[in-house]
């Protein structure tokens, strides 16, 4: 399950901006609001997690 840190996006960045970061064999989605997705082996799944966070 995805984690929600409860942090708000900085005022100068009203949009959620997501990226993916790799750590070893895993990839995770991160957002400017502090949200982090679960570690995934498939980069495509991490990107899907990021898209769902932005649209959800």
N, C-alpha and C. Protein backbone atom coordinates (compact mmCIF):
# COMPACT_ATOMS: atom_id res chain seq x y z
N UNK A 1 0.85 -1.19 0.00
CA UNK A 1 0.00 0.00 0.00
C UNK A 1 0.89 1.23 0.00
N UNK A 2 0.47 2.28 -0.68
CA UNK A 2 1.24 3.51 -0.78
C UNK A 2 1.25 4.24 0.55
N UNK A 3 2.30 5.01 0.76
CA UNK A 3 2.42 5.78 1.98
C UNK A 3 2.01 7.22 1.73
N UNK A 4 1.41 7.86 2.69
CA UNK A 4 1.07 9.27 2.61
C UNK A 4 1.69 9.93 3.83
N UNK A 5 2.63 10.82 3.61
CA UNK A 5 3.33 11.47 4.71
C UNK A 5 2.54 12.62 5.32
N UNK A 6 1.50 13.08 4.64
CA UNK A 6 0.70 14.17 5.18
C UNK A 6 1.30 15.54 4.92
N UNK A 7 2.33 15.66 4.10
CA UNK A 7 2.94 16.93 3.80
C UNK A 7 2.23 17.59 2.63
N UNK A 8 2.09 18.87 2.67
CA UNK A 8 1.45 19.61 1.58
C UNK A 8 2.52 20.05 0.58
N UNK A 9 2.09 20.26 -0.65
CA UNK A 9 3.00 20.78 -1.67
C UNK A 9 3.40 22.20 -1.30
N UNK A 10 4.63 22.61 -1.59
CA UNK A 10 5.05 23.99 -1.31
C UNK A 10 4.12 24.97 -2.04
N UNK A 11 3.88 26.17 -1.46
CA UNK A 11 2.95 27.11 -2.07
C UNK A 11 3.31 27.51 -3.50
N UNK A 12 4.59 27.56 -3.81
CA UNK A 12 5.00 27.94 -5.16
C UNK A 12 4.87 26.79 -6.15
N UNK A 13 4.51 25.60 -5.69
CA UNK A 13 4.29 24.44 -6.55
C UNK A 13 2.91 23.86 -6.25
N UNK A 14 1.84 24.50 -6.73
CA UNK A 14 0.50 24.03 -6.38
C UNK A 14 0.16 22.67 -6.97
N UNK A 15 0.83 22.28 -8.04
CA UNK A 15 0.56 20.99 -8.66
C UNK A 15 1.36 19.89 -7.97
N UNK A 16 0.86 18.68 -8.10
CA UNK A 16 1.63 17.52 -7.68
C UNK A 16 2.59 17.20 -8.81
N UNK A 17 3.87 17.14 -8.51
CA UNK A 17 4.87 16.80 -9.52
C UNK A 17 5.54 15.50 -9.06
N UNK A 18 5.40 14.49 -9.88
CA UNK A 18 5.92 13.18 -9.52
C UNK A 18 7.17 12.84 -10.31
N UNK A 19 8.01 12.03 -9.69
CA UNK A 19 9.20 11.48 -10.33
C UNK A 19 9.33 10.04 -9.87
N UNK A 20 10.20 9.30 -10.52
CA UNK A 20 10.52 7.96 -10.05
C UNK A 20 12.00 7.94 -9.71
N UNK A 21 12.33 7.19 -8.68
CA UNK A 21 13.71 7.06 -8.23
C UNK A 21 14.04 5.58 -8.10
N UNK A 22 15.22 5.23 -8.51
CA UNK A 22 15.65 3.84 -8.42
C UNK A 22 16.59 3.65 -7.23
N UNK A 23 16.41 2.53 -6.58
CA UNK A 23 17.29 2.14 -5.48
C UNK A 23 17.53 0.64 -5.62
N UNK A 24 18.72 0.30 -6.08
CA UNK A 24 19.01 -1.10 -6.33
C UNK A 24 18.14 -1.63 -7.45
N UNK A 25 17.45 -2.72 -7.18
CA UNK A 25 16.58 -3.35 -8.18
C UNK A 25 15.15 -2.81 -8.14
N UNK A 26 14.91 -1.81 -7.32
CA UNK A 26 13.55 -1.30 -7.13
C UNK A 26 13.42 0.13 -7.61
N UNK A 27 12.19 0.50 -7.93
CA UNK A 27 11.85 1.84 -8.39
C UNK A 27 10.65 2.31 -7.56
N UNK A 28 10.67 3.58 -7.14
CA UNK A 28 9.57 4.13 -6.36
C UNK A 28 9.16 5.47 -6.93
N UNK A 29 7.87 5.77 -6.87
CA UNK A 29 7.35 7.06 -7.27
C UNK A 29 7.40 8.00 -6.07
N UNK A 30 7.73 9.26 -6.31
CA UNK A 30 7.77 10.30 -5.28
C UNK A 30 7.04 11.51 -5.81
N UNK A 31 6.46 12.31 -4.90
CA UNK A 31 5.74 13.51 -5.28
C UNK A 31 6.23 14.69 -4.45
N UNK A 32 6.07 15.91 -4.99
CA UNK A 32 6.47 17.11 -4.28
C UNK A 32 5.69 17.32 -2.99
N UNK A 33 4.53 16.68 -2.83
CA UNK A 33 3.73 16.82 -1.62
C UNK A 33 4.23 15.93 -0.48
N UNK A 34 5.20 15.06 -0.78
CA UNK A 34 5.73 14.18 0.25
C UNK A 34 5.28 12.74 0.11
N UNK A 35 4.33 12.48 -0.75
CA UNK A 35 3.84 11.12 -0.97
C UNK A 35 4.92 10.26 -1.60
N UNK A 36 4.95 8.99 -1.19
CA UNK A 36 5.86 8.00 -1.79
C UNK A 36 5.08 6.74 -2.07
N UNK A 37 5.30 6.18 -3.24
CA UNK A 37 4.66 4.92 -3.60
C UNK A 37 5.49 3.75 -3.11
N UNK A 38 4.95 2.56 -3.22
CA UNK A 38 5.68 1.37 -2.79
C UNK A 38 6.84 1.05 -3.74
N UNK A 39 7.81 0.33 -3.25
CA UNK A 39 8.93 -0.11 -4.09
C UNK A 39 8.43 -1.15 -5.08
N UNK A 40 8.78 -0.95 -6.32
CA UNK A 40 8.34 -1.85 -7.40
C UNK A 40 9.56 -2.33 -8.17
N UNK A 41 9.49 -3.55 -8.65
CA UNK A 41 10.55 -4.05 -9.54
C UNK A 41 10.37 -3.52 -10.95
N UNK A 42 9.14 -3.25 -11.35
CA UNK A 42 8.85 -2.76 -12.70
C UNK A 42 8.74 -1.24 -12.68
N UNK A 43 9.56 -0.58 -13.49
CA UNK A 43 9.49 0.88 -13.59
C UNK A 43 8.11 1.32 -14.05
N UNK A 44 7.52 0.56 -14.97
CA UNK A 44 6.20 0.92 -15.48
C UNK A 44 5.17 0.95 -14.37
N UNK A 45 5.27 0.06 -13.41
CA UNK A 45 4.30 0.04 -12.30
C UNK A 45 4.52 1.25 -11.38
N UNK A 46 5.76 1.64 -11.17
CA UNK A 46 6.03 2.84 -10.37
C UNK A 46 5.47 4.08 -11.06
N UNK A 47 5.59 4.14 -12.39
CA UNK A 47 5.01 5.26 -13.14
C UNK A 47 3.48 5.26 -13.03
N UNK A 48 2.88 4.09 -13.06
CA UNK A 48 1.43 3.97 -12.90
C UNK A 48 1.01 4.44 -11.51
N UNK A 49 1.77 4.08 -10.48
CA UNK A 49 1.49 4.56 -9.12
C UNK A 49 1.49 6.09 -9.08
N UNK A 50 2.48 6.70 -9.76
CA UNK A 50 2.59 8.16 -9.78
C UNK A 50 1.38 8.78 -10.49
N UNK A 51 0.98 8.21 -11.62
CA UNK A 51 -0.18 8.72 -12.34
C UNK A 51 -1.45 8.63 -11.51
N UNK A 52 -1.62 7.53 -10.81
CA UNK A 52 -2.81 7.36 -9.96
C UNK A 52 -2.82 8.36 -8.81
N UNK A 53 -1.64 8.69 -8.28
CA UNK A 53 -1.57 9.66 -7.20
C UNK A 53 -2.00 11.04 -7.70
N UNK A 54 -1.53 11.42 -8.88
CA UNK A 54 -1.84 12.74 -9.42
C UNK A 54 -3.32 12.86 -9.78
N UNK A 55 -3.89 11.81 -10.35
CA UNK A 55 -5.29 11.86 -10.78
C UNK A 55 -6.27 11.46 -9.69
N UNK A 56 -5.76 10.86 -8.62
CA UNK A 56 -6.66 10.34 -7.57
C UNK A 56 -6.86 11.22 -6.48
